[in-house]
Amino acid sequence: MSQIRVYFEGNTGLKRPLQIFLEKADPRLKARIKPIPGRGRDDAVYDFLLSVSRDPNLNHVLLIDSERPDDGYLFDKLTQEGSWRPRKPVPTERQVGWMVQIMEAWFLADQEALHAYYGSDLQANALPPNPRVEAIPKADVLRRLKAATVRSTKGGYHKGAHAARILERLDPSRVRKGANHCDRLIALLVQMTGE
């Protein structure tokens, strides 16, 4: 059984919720996903590149926020950043998955998960009606999430306090419909299983 190492930007609290989300996406991924948190973007990129150079025969995927809309050049821009210093072999575009524009866009693709977490306190009218969540600018995603949750007994949306619990509640099929890059990521991971 081939393991897939998924290097992501985020803290260790997101490790298990990300694994749950990805394994729910397709039964062939069960027990194959090994999320590896990289704290920040630069750390995730560094850890990914180091692992690819040390163990080129393993399955490696980098999963990071794009921080911008997909203009068709996300990978090119990544390879021009200071943190991108690949050794041999050089990773390919195929090995990079994107949360466009940020992870929280996935939350907007599954508003039922937000309702399940925040309950009746969720102000759904503050959430964007756009089903194509990757087109929503990063600042708008965060602003709308905070506006929708400001009256919650859990408090307004805060990444450290709420992201992990929301992520593990997400329905991957809903997220895949609203986020093309999530759909591509799942397809890539399934392809890596060889099944």
Protein backbone atom coordinates (compact mmCIF):
# COMPACT_ATOMS: atom_id res chain seq x y z
CA MET A 1 0.00 0.00 0.00
CA SER A 2 1.59 3.28 -1.10
CA GLN A 3 1.59 6.17 1.33
CA ILE A 4 1.02 9.72 0.14
CA ARG A 5 2.79 12.46 2.06
CA VAL A 6 0.81 15.70 1.95
CA TYR A 7 2.88 18.69 3.06
CA PHE A 8 0.60 21.56 3.97
CA GLU A 9 0.87 25.01 5.46
CA GLY A 10 -0.76 24.95 8.84
CA ASN A 11 -0.34 23.85 12.41
CA THR A 12 -0.46 20.33 13.80
CA GLY A 13 -4.07 20.87 14.86
CA LEU A 14 -5.10 20.66 11.19
CA LYS A 15 -3.26 17.38 10.55
CA ARG A 16 -6.00 14.94 11.58
CA PRO A 17 -8.93 17.02 10.20
CA LEU A 18 -7.17 17.26 6.82
CA GLN A 19 -6.60 13.51 6.82
CA ILE A 20 -10.27 12.91 7.67
CA PHE A 21 -11.41 15.24 4.89
CA LEU A 22 -9.16 13.66 2.25
CA GLU A 23 -10.00 10.09 3.25
CA LYS A 24 -13.73 10.88 3.14
CA ALA A 25 -13.27 12.14 -0.41
CA ASP A 26 -12.52 8.68 -1.80
CA PRO A 27 -12.37 5.25 -0.12
CA ARG A 28 -9.14 4.45 -1.97
CA LEU A 29 -7.38 7.11 0.11
CA LYS A 30 -8.22 5.45 3.43
CA ALA A 31 -5.07 4.87 5.51
CA ARG A 32 -2.82 6.19 2.74
CA ILE A 33 -2.74 9.91 3.51
CA LYS A 34 0.00 11.22 5.80
CA PRO A 35 -0.45 14.96 6.35
CA ILE A 36 2.71 16.77 7.40
CA PRO A 37 2.18 20.28 8.78
CA GLY A 38 4.66 22.96 7.83
CA ARG A 39 3.57 25.74 10.17
CA GLY A 40 3.88 28.51 7.55
CA ARG A 41 4.07 28.47 3.77
CA ASP A 42 7.87 28.67 3.59
CA ASP A 43 8.27 25.79 6.05
CA ALA A 44 5.81 23.61 4.12
CA VAL A 45 7.62 24.32 0.84
CA TYR A 46 11.02 23.61 2.41
CA ASP A 47 9.89 20.34 4.01
CA PHE A 48 8.26 19.22 0.75
CA LEU A 49 11.33 19.97 -1.37
CA LEU A 50 13.66 18.28 1.12
CA SER A 51 11.51 15.16 1.24
CA VAL A 52 11.27 14.94 -2.56
CA SER A 53 15.07 15.09 -2.79
CA ARG A 54 15.60 12.51 -0.04
CA ASP A 55 12.91 10.03 -1.05
CA PRO A 56 12.10 10.60 -4.74
CA ASN A 57 10.32 7.26 -5.08
CA LEU A 58 7.63 8.16 -2.53
CA ASN A 59 4.45 10.06 -3.31
CA HIS A 60 4.80 13.71 -2.28
CA VAL A 61 2.22 16.48 -2.58
CA LEU A 62 2.48 20.10 -1.49
CA LEU A 63 -0.85 21.71 -0.51
CA ILE A 64 -0.78 25.47 0.02
CA ASP A 65 -3.01 28.51 -0.24
CA SER A 66 -2.67 30.33 -3.53
CA GLU A 67 -3.29 33.69 -1.81
CA ARG A 68 -4.57 34.93 -5.19
CA PRO A 69 -6.91 33.91 -7.98
CA ASP A 70 -5.72 31.22 -10.36
CA ASP A 71 -4.40 33.04 -13.39
CA GLY A 72 -2.88 29.88 -14.86
CA TYR A 73 0.56 30.74 -13.47
CA LEU A 74 0.32 29.72 -9.81
CA PHE A 75 3.07 27.11 -10.10
CA ASP A 76 5.35 29.46 -12.05
CA LYS A 77 4.95 32.11 -9.36
CA LEU A 78 5.63 29.55 -6.62
CA THR A 79 8.89 28.50 -8.28
CA GLN A 80 10.01 32.14 -8.33
CA GLU A 81 9.50 32.62 -4.58
CA GLY A 82 12.52 32.72 -2.31
CA SER A 83 11.45 29.57 -0.45
CA TRP A 84 11.50 27.46 -3.65
CA ARG A 85 15.00 25.99 -3.80
CA PRO A 86 14.60 22.51 -5.24
CA ARG A 87 17.30 19.91 -5.29
CA LYS A 88 17.28 16.94 -7.64
CA PRO A 89 14.80 15.69 -8.68
CA VAL A 90 12.89 18.91 -9.32
CA PRO A 91 9.23 18.61 -8.30
CA THR A 92 6.61 19.08 -10.98
CA GLU A 93 3.46 21.17 -11.15
CA ARG A 94 1.51 17.93 -10.80
CA GLN A 95 2.83 17.55 -7.23
CA VAL A 96 1.37 20.85 -6.02
CA GLY A 97 -2.22 21.20 -4.85
CA TRP A 98 -3.84 24.56 -4.23
CA MET A 99 -6.41 25.95 -1.87
CA VAL A 100 -7.65 28.82 -4.01
CA GLN A 101 -7.48 31.38 -2.65
CA ILE A 102 -7.37 30.15 0.96
CA MET A 103 -8.50 27.08 2.91
CA GLU A 104 -11.56 28.92 4.24
CA ALA A 105 -12.98 29.06 0.71
CA TRP A 106 -13.62 25.33 1.13
CA PHE A 107 -15.82 26.19 4.13
CA LEU A 108 -17.98 28.42 1.97
CA ALA A 109 -18.47 25.55 -0.49
CA ASP A 110 -20.15 23.51 2.26
CA GLN A 111 -22.39 25.87 4.16
CA GLU A 112 -24.15 22.88 5.73
CA ALA A 113 -20.92 22.10 7.59
CA LEU A 114 -20.87 25.69 8.85
CA HIS A 115 -24.47 25.26 10.04
CA ALA A 116 -23.53 21.99 11.75
CA TYR A 117 -20.69 23.70 13.60
CA TYR A 118 -22.22 27.10 14.46
CA GLY A 119 -25.85 26.00 14.69
CA SER A 120 -28.65 28.54 14.59
CA ASP A 121 -26.19 31.32 15.45
CA LEU A 122 -24.86 31.24 11.88
CA GLN A 123 -26.00 34.29 9.89
CA ALA A 124 -26.25 32.54 6.53
CA ASN A 125 -27.31 35.71 4.72
CA ALA A 126 -23.77 37.06 5.30
CA LEU A 127 -22.27 34.17 3.32
CA PRO A 128 -21.68 34.65 -0.40
CA PRO A 129 -24.13 33.03 -2.80
CA ASN A 130 -21.30 32.31 -5.26
CA PRO A 131 -21.04 28.52 -5.65
CA ARG A 132 -17.60 28.93 -7.32
CA VAL A 133 -15.77 29.74 -4.10
CA GLU A 134 -12.31 29.98 -5.69
CA ALA A 135 -13.42 33.18 -7.44
CA ILE A 136 -14.09 34.93 -4.11
CA PRO A 137 -11.15 37.14 -3.07
CA LYS A 138 -9.30 36.05 0.08
CA ALA A 139 -10.28 39.16 2.05
CA ASP A 140 -13.96 38.67 1.16
CA VAL A 141 -13.89 35.02 2.25
CA LEU A 142 -12.59 35.97 5.68
CA ARG A 143 -14.82 39.04 6.02
CA ARG A 144 -17.94 37.06 5.19
CA LEU A 145 -17.03 34.18 7.49
CA LYS A 146 -16.52 36.60 10.37
CA ALA A 147 -19.78 38.44 9.61
CA ALA A 148 -21.72 35.17 9.47
CA THR A 149 -20.34 34.00 12.82
CA VAL A 150 -20.00 37.21 14.83
CA ARG A 151 -23.09 36.43 16.95
CA SER A 152 -22.15 32.83 17.57
CA THR A 153 -21.78 31.51 21.08
CA LYS A 154 -18.50 30.02 19.81
CA GLY A 155 -17.36 33.52 18.89
CA GLY A 156 -16.63 34.92 15.46
CA TYR A 157 -14.63 32.74 13.10
CA HIS A 158 -11.04 32.35 14.26
CA LYS A 159 -8.70 30.04 12.38
CA GLY A 160 -6.96 28.70 15.49
CA ALA A 161 -10.16 28.03 17.37
CA HIS A 162 -12.51 26.85 14.61
CA ALA A 163 -10.76 25.75 11.40
CA ALA A 164 -9.91 22.19 12.47
CA ARG A 165 -13.44 21.42 13.66
CA ILE A 166 -15.02 22.83 10.52
CA LEU A 167 -12.55 21.08 8.19
CA GLU A 168 -13.34 17.64 9.57
CA ARG A 169 -17.08 18.28 9.09
CA LEU A 170 -16.80 19.23 5.41
CA ASP A 171 -18.46 17.06 2.80
CA PRO A 172 -15.77 16.58 0.13
CA SER A 173 -18.35 16.16 -2.64
CA ARG A 174 -19.75 19.65 -1.94
CA VAL A 175 -16.29 21.18 -1.74
CA ARG A 176 -15.23 19.49 -4.99
CA LYS A 177 -18.25 20.99 -6.77
CA GLY A 178 -17.40 24.51 -5.61
CA ALA A 179 -13.60 24.33 -5.76
CA ASN A 180 -12.00 22.99 -8.94
CA HIS A 181 -8.57 22.78 -7.34
CA CYS A 182 -9.91 20.62 -4.53
CA ASP A 183 -11.40 18.32 -7.15
CA ARG A 184 -8.03 18.14 -8.95
CA LEU A 185 -6.24 17.44 -5.67
CA ILE A 186 -8.49 14.49 -4.85
CA ALA A 187 -8.11 13.12 -8.39
CA LEU A 188 -4.30 13.43 -8.09
CA LEU A 189 -4.23 11.65 -4.74
CA VAL A 190 -6.40 8.82 -6.06
CA GLN A 191 -4.14 8.51 -9.11
CA MET A 192 -1.14 8.20 -6.79
CA THR A 193 -2.71 5.21 -5.08
CA GLY A 194 -2.36 3.30 -8.35
CA GLU A 195 -5.89 1.90 -8.08
